[in-house]
Amino acid sequence: MHQPARWGLGAAGAGIAVIFGLEVSSLDGMNPIRRTISEHGLGPDGWIFGFAVGLLAAGSVGIGVSLARRKLAGVLGTVALMGWSVGLLMTAWFEKHDWSVGPSVSGSIHRVGSFLAFLCLPLAVVLITGPWRRRERSRATLVAFGLGVCSVLWVVGIGTVVFVGTRNGLPWYRVMPLGLVERGLAVTEVAALLALGVWAATPGNRSLKPGLLAGGTAGSAANLTPPHV
């Protein structure tokens, strides 16, 4: 098992477990249908949520490093995966804001970080696993690719609903059950990340030639080189 991927899966799993614990413990006081996950970052115990998101971001970096070192990911896919990590760190450091009382700098940065994370992860998964979907035929790559496509559909659907709602005069945060939708998207994306990590940690995967590492996805079996020892 590749060491960075193993550490990455461990850190990401720990962060997910903490966030899940926060979700369960707050069921009595927070409506998960309307309230977003970032609500856990508010209040005196918000550092726990920030720490958990930081673990998830660090774990994602570990998975990305493993994929890059084993030449399983192209440049664009790796950059997109790092963009997901940066977005997570932005949401952890800058608190969520109540937009009904007006804008704030911290809230704006938090929102940008959320958009960056939720947009970059599906792009990263599809770019990284796309070239392997027919060549490697491993369960992890197929699962990651499928979940990546589902994440893209989530993002497109959310963007469409927000666009239609705002054109009809509704605030973007009231056009859907935001908490429920965000949790659905988050579960799909995190599952895709974990599948990507399992694939990165699996020994014996083949590497991509430099042409595909630059970000391309086309090519035949000739584009595969033997694994590095």
C-alpha atoms as a PDB file:
ATOM      1  CA  MET A   1       0.000   0.000   0.000  1.00  0.00           C
ATOM      2  CA  HIS A   2       1.430   3.379  -1.033  1.00  0.00           C
ATOM      3  CA  GLN A   3       2.313   5.354   2.099  1.00  0.00           C
ATOM      4  CA  PRO A   4       0.928   8.834   1.224  1.00  0.00           C
ATOM      5  CA  ALA A   5      -2.363   7.261   0.123  1.00  0.00           C
ATOM      6  CA  ARG A   6      -2.548   5.236   3.325  1.00  0.00           C
ATOM      7  CA  TRP A   7      -1.982   8.344   5.435  1.00  0.00           C
ATOM      8  CA  GLY A   8      -4.418  10.261   3.273  1.00  0.00           C
ATOM      9  CA  LEU A   9      -7.160   7.695   3.716  1.00  0.00           C
ATOM     10  CA  GLY A  10      -6.531   7.644   7.465  1.00  0.00           C
ATOM     11  CA  ALA A  11      -6.677  11.430   7.819  1.00  0.00           C
ATOM     12  CA  ALA A  12      -9.710  11.769   5.554  1.00  0.00           C
ATOM     13  CA  GLY A  13     -11.497   8.939   7.361  1.00  0.00           C
ATOM     14  CA  ALA A  14     -10.803  10.534  10.752  1.00  0.00           C
ATOM     15  CA  GLY A  15     -12.131  13.890   9.567  1.00  0.00           C
ATOM     16  CA  ILE A  16     -15.261  12.297   8.137  1.00  0.00           C
ATOM     17  CA  ALA A  17     -15.849  10.382  11.377  1.00  0.00           C
ATOM     18  CA  VAL A  18     -15.640  13.575  13.438  1.00  0.00           C
ATOM     19  CA  ILE A  19     -18.047  15.425  11.144  1.00  0.00           C
ATOM     20  CA  PHE A  20     -20.451  12.474  11.254  1.00  0.00           C
ATOM     21  CA  GLY A  21     -20.270  12.568  15.043  1.00  0.00           C
ATOM     22  CA  LEU A  22     -21.102  16.275  15.010  1.00  0.00           C
ATOM     23  CA  GLU A  23     -24.043  15.579  12.729  1.00  0.00           C
ATOM     24  CA  VAL A  24     -25.454  12.898  15.014  1.00  0.00           C
ATOM     25  CA  SER A  25     -24.922  14.889  18.210  1.00  0.00           C
ATOM     26  CA  SER A  26     -26.666  17.979  16.813  1.00  0.00           C
ATOM     27  CA  LEU A  27     -29.821  16.295  15.483  1.00  0.00           C
ATOM     28  CA  ASP A  28     -31.862  17.655  18.398  1.00  0.00           C
ATOM     29  CA  GLY A  29     -30.822  21.271  17.857  1.00  0.00           C
ATOM     30  CA  MET A  30     -30.173  21.651  14.118  1.00  0.00           C
ATOM     31  CA  ASN A  31     -32.425  20.996  11.143  1.00  0.00           C
ATOM     32  CA  PRO A  32     -30.282  19.060   8.626  1.00  0.00           C
ATOM     33  CA  ILE A  33     -32.752  19.816   5.844  1.00  0.00           C
ATOM     34  CA  ARG A  34     -32.321  23.583   6.020  1.00  0.00           C
ATOM     35  CA  ARG A  35     -29.075  24.107   7.956  1.00  0.00           C
ATOM     36  CA  THR A  36     -25.803  23.469   6.139  1.00  0.00           C
ATOM     37  CA  ILE A  37     -22.899  21.391   7.417  1.00  0.00           C
ATOM     38  CA  SER A  38     -20.888  24.551   8.059  1.00  0.00           C
ATOM     39  CA  GLU A  39     -23.241  25.427  10.922  1.00  0.00           C
ATOM     40  CA  HIS A  40     -21.032  23.144  13.024  1.00  0.00           C
ATOM     41  CA  GLY A  41     -18.261  25.711  12.662  1.00  0.00           C
ATOM     42  CA  LEU A  42     -20.181  28.350  14.621  1.00  0.00           C
ATOM     43  CA  GLY A  43     -19.935  28.792  18.371  1.00  0.00           C
ATOM     44  CA  PRO A  44     -17.204  27.998  20.931  1.00  0.00           C
ATOM     45  CA  ASP A  45     -16.821  24.408  19.750  1.00  0.00           C
ATOM     46  CA  GLY A  46     -16.460  25.377  16.107  1.00  0.00           C
ATOM     47  CA  TRP A  47     -12.757  24.486  16.192  1.00  0.00           C
ATOM     48  CA  ILE A  48     -13.724  20.800  16.257  1.00  0.00           C
ATOM     49  CA  PHE A  49     -15.448  21.150  12.902  1.00  0.00           C
ATOM     50  CA  GLY A  50     -12.538  23.207  11.530  1.00  0.00           C
ATOM     51  CA  PHE A  51     -10.077  20.553  12.683  1.00  0.00           C
ATOM     52  CA  ALA A  52     -12.131  17.784  11.055  1.00  0.00           C
ATOM     53  CA  VAL A  53     -12.331  19.648   7.741  1.00  0.00           C
ATOM     54  CA  GLY A  54      -8.583  20.262   7.959  1.00  0.00           C
ATOM     55  CA  LEU A  55      -8.023  16.523   8.362  1.00  0.00           C
ATOM     56  CA  LEU A  56     -10.154  15.869   5.295  1.00  0.00           C
ATOM     57  CA  ALA A  57      -8.178  18.454   3.317  1.00  0.00           C
ATOM     58  CA  ALA A  58      -4.837  16.999   4.462  1.00  0.00           C
ATOM     59  CA  GLY A  59      -6.011  13.499   3.609  1.00  0.00           C
ATOM     60  CA  SER A  60      -6.994  14.653   0.136  1.00  0.00           C
ATOM     61  CA  VAL A  61      -3.512  16.103  -0.364  1.00  0.00           C
ATOM     62  CA  GLY A  62      -1.981  12.778   0.674  1.00  0.00           C
ATOM     63  CA  ILE A  63      -4.125  10.928  -1.857  1.00  0.00           C
ATOM     64  CA  GLY A  64      -3.192  13.465  -4.542  1.00  0.00           C
ATOM     65  CA  VAL A  65       0.523  13.129  -3.767  1.00  0.00           C
ATOM     66  CA  SER A  66       0.270   9.357  -4.055  1.00  0.00           C
ATOM     67  CA  LEU A  67      -1.535   9.556  -7.395  1.00  0.00           C
ATOM     68  CA  ALA A  68       1.002  12.051  -8.744  1.00  0.00           C
ATOM     69  CA  ARG A  69       4.064  10.125  -7.530  1.00  0.00           C
ATOM     70  CA  ARG A  70       2.759   6.896  -9.030  1.00  0.00           C
ATOM     71  CA  LYS A  71       1.918   8.727 -12.274  1.00  0.00           C
ATOM     72  CA  LEU A  72      -1.718   7.704 -12.069  1.00  0.00           C
ATOM     73  CA  ALA A  73      -3.025  11.277 -12.362  1.00  0.00           C
ATOM     74  CA  GLY A  74      -2.485  13.993 -14.938  1.00  0.00           C
ATOM     75  CA  VAL A  75      -1.559  17.585 -14.143  1.00  0.00           C
ATOM     76  CA  LEU A  76      -5.079  18.953 -14.523  1.00  0.00           C
ATOM     77  CA  GLY A  77      -6.605  16.281 -12.311  1.00  0.00           C
ATOM     78  CA  THR A  78      -3.968  16.810  -9.635  1.00  0.00           C
ATOM     79  CA  VAL A  79      -4.467  20.583  -9.683  1.00  0.00           C
ATOM     80  CA  ALA A  80      -8.233  20.126  -9.396  1.00  0.00           C
ATOM     81  CA  LEU A  81      -7.777  17.788  -6.420  1.00  0.00           C
ATOM     82  CA  MET A  82      -5.539  20.363  -4.724  1.00  0.00           C
ATOM     83  CA  GLY A  83      -8.220  22.984  -5.460  1.00  0.00           C
ATOM     84  CA  TRP A  84     -10.687  20.849  -3.486  1.00  0.00           C
ATOM     85  CA  SER A  85      -8.271  20.828  -0.537  1.00  0.00           C
ATOM     86  CA  VAL A  86      -7.736  24.586  -0.704  1.00  0.00           C
ATOM     87  CA  GLY A  87     -11.496  25.139  -0.817  1.00  0.00           C
ATOM     88  CA  LEU A  88     -11.961  22.939   2.258  1.00  0.00           C
ATOM     89  CA  LEU A  89      -9.340  24.896   4.178  1.00  0.00           C
ATOM     90  CA  MET A  90     -11.044  28.167   3.240  1.00  0.00           C
ATOM     91  CA  THR A  91     -14.382  26.918   4.575  1.00  0.00           C
ATOM     92  CA  ALA A  92     -12.714  25.702   7.775  1.00  0.00           C
ATOM     93  CA  TRP A  93     -10.819  28.935   8.477  1.00  0.00           C
ATOM     94  CA  PHE A  94     -13.534  31.447   7.556  1.00  0.00           C
ATOM     95  CA  GLU A  95     -16.868  31.063   9.314  1.00  0.00           C
ATOM     96  CA  LYS A  96     -20.234  30.671   7.652  1.00  0.00           C
ATOM     97  CA  HIS A  97     -22.317  33.858   7.558  1.00  0.00           C
ATOM     98  CA  ASP A  98     -26.025  34.600   7.880  1.00  0.00           C
ATOM     99  CA  TRP A  99     -26.730  36.165   4.490  1.00  0.00           C
ATOM    100  CA  SER A 100     -30.165  37.345   5.534  1.00  0.00           C
ATOM    101  CA  VAL A 101     -28.515  40.153   7.564  1.00  0.00           C
ATOM    102  CA  GLY A 102     -26.228  41.297   4.758  1.00  0.00           C
ATOM    103  CA  PRO A 103     -22.812  40.345   3.333  1.00  0.00           C
ATOM    104  CA  SER A 104     -19.501  39.952   5.163  1.00  0.00           C
ATOM    105  CA  VAL A 105     -15.890  39.408   4.086  1.00  0.00           C
ATOM    106  CA  SER A 106     -15.530  36.184   6.074  1.00  0.00           C
ATOM    107  CA  GLY A 107     -18.827  34.855   4.768  1.00  0.00           C
ATOM    108  CA  SER A 108     -17.887  35.694   1.187  1.00  0.00           C
ATOM    109  CA  ILE A 109     -14.556  33.856   1.475  1.00  0.00           C
ATOM    110  CA  HIS A 110     -16.324  30.903   3.088  1.00  0.00           C
ATOM    111  CA  ARG A 111     -18.798  30.771   0.218  1.00  0.00           C
ATOM    112  CA  VAL A 112     -16.048  30.986  -2.404  1.00  0.00           C
ATOM    113  CA  GLY A 113     -14.204  28.157  -0.649  1.00  0.00           C
ATOM    114  CA  SER A 114     -17.355  26.023  -0.633  1.00  0.00           C
ATOM    115  CA  PHE A 115     -17.938  26.605  -4.340  1.00  0.00           C
ATOM    116  CA  LEU A 116     -14.279  25.876  -5.109  1.00  0.00           C
ATOM    117  CA  ALA A 117     -14.320  22.616  -3.163  1.00  0.00           C
ATOM    118  CA  PHE A 118     -17.619  21.323  -4.509  1.00  0.00           C
ATOM    119  CA  LEU A 119     -16.676  22.184  -8.099  1.00  0.00           C
ATOM    120  CA  CYS A 120     -13.082  20.919  -8.050  1.00  0.00           C
ATOM    121  CA  LEU A 121     -13.626  17.466  -6.555  1.00  0.00           C
ATOM    122  CA  PRO A 122     -15.967  16.131  -9.287  1.00  0.00           C
ATOM    123  CA  LEU A 123     -13.685  17.598 -11.940  1.00  0.00           C
ATOM    124  CA  ALA A 124     -10.631  15.991 -10.320  1.00  0.00           C
ATOM    125  CA  VAL A 125     -12.208  12.550 -10.032  1.00  0.00           C
ATOM    126  CA  VAL A 126     -13.463  12.494 -13.620  1.00  0.00           C
ATOM    127  CA  LEU A 127     -10.136  13.783 -15.014  1.00  0.00           C
ATOM    128  CA  ILE A 128      -8.065  11.334 -12.989  1.00  0.00           C
ATOM    129  CA  THR A 129     -10.128   8.178 -13.444  1.00  0.00           C
ATOM    130  CA  GLY A 130     -11.395   8.867 -16.967  1.00  0.00           C
ATOM    131  CA  PRO A 131      -8.302   7.534 -18.797  1.00  0.00           C
ATOM    132  CA  TRP A 132      -8.369   4.388 -16.638  1.00  0.00           C
ATOM    133  CA  ARG A 133     -12.061   3.609 -16.869  1.00  0.00           C
ATOM    134  CA  ARG A 134     -11.599   1.176 -19.761  1.00  0.00           C
ATOM    135  CA  ARG A 135      -7.970   0.184 -19.239  1.00  0.00           C
ATOM    136  CA  GLU A 136      -7.650  -0.625 -15.560  1.00  0.00           C
ATOM    137  CA  ARG A 137     -11.124  -2.090 -15.038  1.00  0.00           C
ATOM    138  CA  SER A 138     -10.655  -2.082 -11.265  1.00  0.00           C
ATOM    139  CA  ARG A 139     -13.665  -1.715  -9.016  1.00  0.00           C
ATOM    140  CA  ALA A 140     -12.194   1.359  -7.305  1.00  0.00           C
ATOM    141  CA  THR A 141     -11.674   3.272 -10.551  1.00  0.00           C
ATOM    142  CA  LEU A 142     -15.136   2.428 -11.855  1.00  0.00           C
ATOM    143  CA  VAL A 143     -16.775   3.394  -8.548  1.00  0.00           C
ATOM    144  CA  ALA A 144     -14.770   6.628  -8.326  1.00  0.00           C
ATOM    145  CA  PHE A 145     -15.605   7.547 -11.923  1.00  0.00           C
ATOM    146  CA  GLY A 146     -19.308   6.813 -11.431  1.00  0.00           C
ATOM    147  CA  LEU A 147     -19.448   8.853  -8.229  1.00  0.00           C
ATOM    148  CA  GLY A 148     -17.533  11.648  -9.941  1.00  0.00           C
ATOM    149  CA  VAL A 149     -20.133  11.776 -12.709  1.00  0.00           C
ATOM    150  CA  CYS A 150     -22.915  11.770 -10.086  1.00  0.00           C
ATOM    151  CA  SER A 151     -21.182  14.672  -8.331  1.00  0.00           C
ATOM    152  CA  VAL A 152     -21.045  16.594 -11.601  1.00  0.00           C
ATOM    153  CA  LEU A 153     -24.783  16.019 -12.051  1.00  0.00           C
ATOM    154  CA  TRP A 154     -25.383  17.266  -8.488  1.00  0.00           C
ATOM    155  CA  VAL A 155     -23.438  20.470  -9.224  1.00  0.00           C
ATOM    156  CA  VAL A 156     -25.200  21.048 -12.540  1.00  0.00           C
ATOM    157  CA  GLY A 157     -28.596  20.458 -10.939  1.00  0.00           C
ATOM    158  CA  ILE A 158     -27.882  22.831  -8.058  1.00  0.00           C
ATOM    159  CA  GLY A 159     -26.584  25.505 -10.420  1.00  0.00           C
ATOM    160  CA  THR A 160     -29.672  25.192 -12.606  1.00  0.00           C
ATOM    161  CA  VAL A 161     -32.073  25.485  -9.668  1.00  0.00           C
ATOM    162  CA  VAL A 162     -30.206  28.488  -8.269  1.00  0.00           C
ATOM    163  CA  PHE A 163     -30.192  30.188 -11.683  1.00  0.00           C
ATOM    164  CA  VAL A 164     -33.920  29.665 -12.211  1.00  0.00           C
ATOM    165  CA  GLY A 165     -34.736  30.705  -8.654  1.00  0.00           C
ATOM    166  CA  THR A 166     -32.715  33.911  -8.699  1.00  0.00           C
ATOM    167  CA  ARG A 167     -34.229  34.915 -12.039  1.00  0.00           C
ATOM    168  CA  ASN A 168     -37.584  34.706 -10.276  1.00  0.00           C
ATOM    169  CA  GLY A 169     -36.437  36.919  -7.427  1.00  0.00           C
ATOM    170  CA  LEU A 170     -35.640  34.263  -4.802  1.00  0.00           C
ATOM    171  CA  PRO A 171     -32.430  34.454  -2.722  1.00  0.00           C
ATOM    172  CA  TRP A 172     -29.999  31.727  -3.767  1.00  0.00           C
ATOM    173  CA  TYR A 173     -30.050  30.202  -0.278  1.00  0.00           C
ATOM    174  CA  ARG A 174     -33.841  29.763  -0.321  1.00  0.00           C
ATOM    175  CA  VAL A 175     -34.430  28.128  -3.685  1.00  0.00           C
ATOM    176  CA  MET A 176     -33.949  24.591  -2.299  1.00  0.00           C
ATOM    177  CA  PRO A 177     -33.638  22.675   0.993  1.00  0.00           C
ATOM    178  CA  LEU A 178     -30.014  23.772   1.154  1.00  0.00           C
ATOM    179  CA  GLY A 179     -28.892  21.548   4.028  1.00  0.00           C
ATOM    180  CA  LEU A 180     -30.324  18.382   2.517  1.00  0.00           C
ATOM    181  CA  VAL A 181     -28.926  19.113  -0.946  1.00  0.00           C
ATOM    182  CA  GLU A 182     -25.495  20.016   0.411  1.00  0.00           C
ATOM    183  CA  ARG A 183     -25.338  16.817   2.435  1.00  0.00           C
ATOM    184  CA  GLY A 184     -26.296  14.739  -0.586  1.00  0.00           C
ATOM    185  CA  LEU A 185     -23.561  16.377  -2.647  1.00  0.00           C
ATOM    186  CA  ALA A 186     -21.015  16.075   0.179  1.00  0.00           C
ATOM    187  CA  VAL A 187     -21.697  12.357   0.711  1.00  0.00           C
ATOM    188  CA  THR A 188     -21.323  11.670  -3.010  1.00  0.00           C
ATOM    189  CA  GLU A 189     -18.086  13.642  -3.305  1.00  0.00           C
ATOM    190  CA  VAL A 190     -16.501  12.196  -0.170  1.00  0.00           C
ATOM    191  CA  ALA A 191     -17.358   8.673  -1.338  1.00  0.00           C
ATOM    192  CA  ALA A 192     -15.689   9.463  -4.683  1.00  0.00           C
ATOM    193  CA  LEU A 193     -12.606  10.747  -2.846  1.00  0.00           C
ATOM    194  CA  LEU A 194     -12.351   7.598  -0.720  1.00  0.00           C
ATOM    195  CA  ALA A 195     -12.701   5.381  -3.806  1.00  0.00           C
ATOM    196  CA  LEU A 196      -9.923   7.421  -5.418  1.00  0.00           C
ATOM    197  CA  GLY A 197      -7.801   6.914  -2.307  1.00  0.00           C
ATOM    198  CA  VAL A 198      -8.355   3.156  -2.312  1.00  0.00           C
ATOM    199  CA  TRP A 199      -7.266   3.016  -5.930  1.00  0.00           C
ATOM    200  CA  ALA A 200      -4.184   5.149  -5.177  1.00  0.00           C
ATOM    201  CA  ALA A 201      -3.250   2.824  -2.313  1.00  0.00           C
ATOM    202  CA  THR A 202      -3.672  -0.386  -4.327  1.00  0.00           C
ATOM    203  CA  PRO A 203      -0.314  -1.868  -5.399  1.00  0.00           C
ATOM    204  CA  GLY A 204       0.324  -2.853  -8.970  1.00  0.00           C
ATOM    205  CA  ASN A 205      -1.522  -0.028 -10.765  1.00  0.00           C
ATOM    206  CA  ARG A 206       0.107   1.011 -14.022  1.00  0.00           C
ATOM    207  CA  SER A 207       1.340   4.527 -14.776  1.00  0.00           C
ATOM    208  CA  LEU A 208       0.492   7.007 -17.485  1.00  0.00           C
ATOM    209  CA  LYS A 209       2.932   8.263 -20.109  1.00  0.00           C
ATOM    210  CA  PRO A 210       3.967  11.953 -19.948  1.00  0.00           C
ATOM    211  CA  GLY A 211       1.517  12.852 -22.726  1.00  0.00           C
ATOM    212  CA  LEU A 212      -1.428  11.804 -20.588  1.00  0.00           C
ATOM    213  CA  LEU A 213       0.139  13.277 -17.469  1.00  0.00           C
ATOM    214  CA  ALA A 214      -0.150  16.665 -19.137  1.00  0.00           C
ATOM    215  CA  GLY A 215      -3.892  16.274 -18.826  1.00  0.00           C
ATOM    216  CA  GLY A 216      -4.977  14.303 -21.877  1.00  0.00           C
ATOM    217  CA  THR A 217      -7.371  11.391 -21.701  1.00  0.00           C
ATOM    218  CA  ALA A 218      -7.132   9.890 -25.158  1.00  0.00           C
ATOM    219  CA  GLY A 219      -4.869   7.080 -26.166  1.00  0.00           C
ATOM    220  CA  SER A 220      -4.622   3.353 -26.593  1.00  0.00           C
ATOM    221  CA  ALA A 221      -2.983   0.581 -24.639  1.00  0.00           C
ATOM    222  CA  ALA A 222       0.301   1.773 -26.111  1.00  0.00           C
ATOM    223  CA  ASN A 223       0.060   4.814 -23.873  1.00  0.00           C
ATOM    224  CA  LEU A 224       0.624   2.616 -20.803  1.00  0.00           C
ATOM    225  CA  THR A 225       4.068   1.939 -19.405  1.00  0.00           C
ATOM    226  CA  PRO A 226       5.117  -0.747 -16.975  1.00  0.00           C
ATOM    227  CA  PRO A 227       4.781   0.137 -13.297  1.00  0.00           C
ATOM    228  CA  HIS A 228       7.727   1.857 -11.635  1.00  0.00           C
ATOM    229  CA  VAL A 229       9.608  -0.289  -9.201  1.00  0.00           C
END
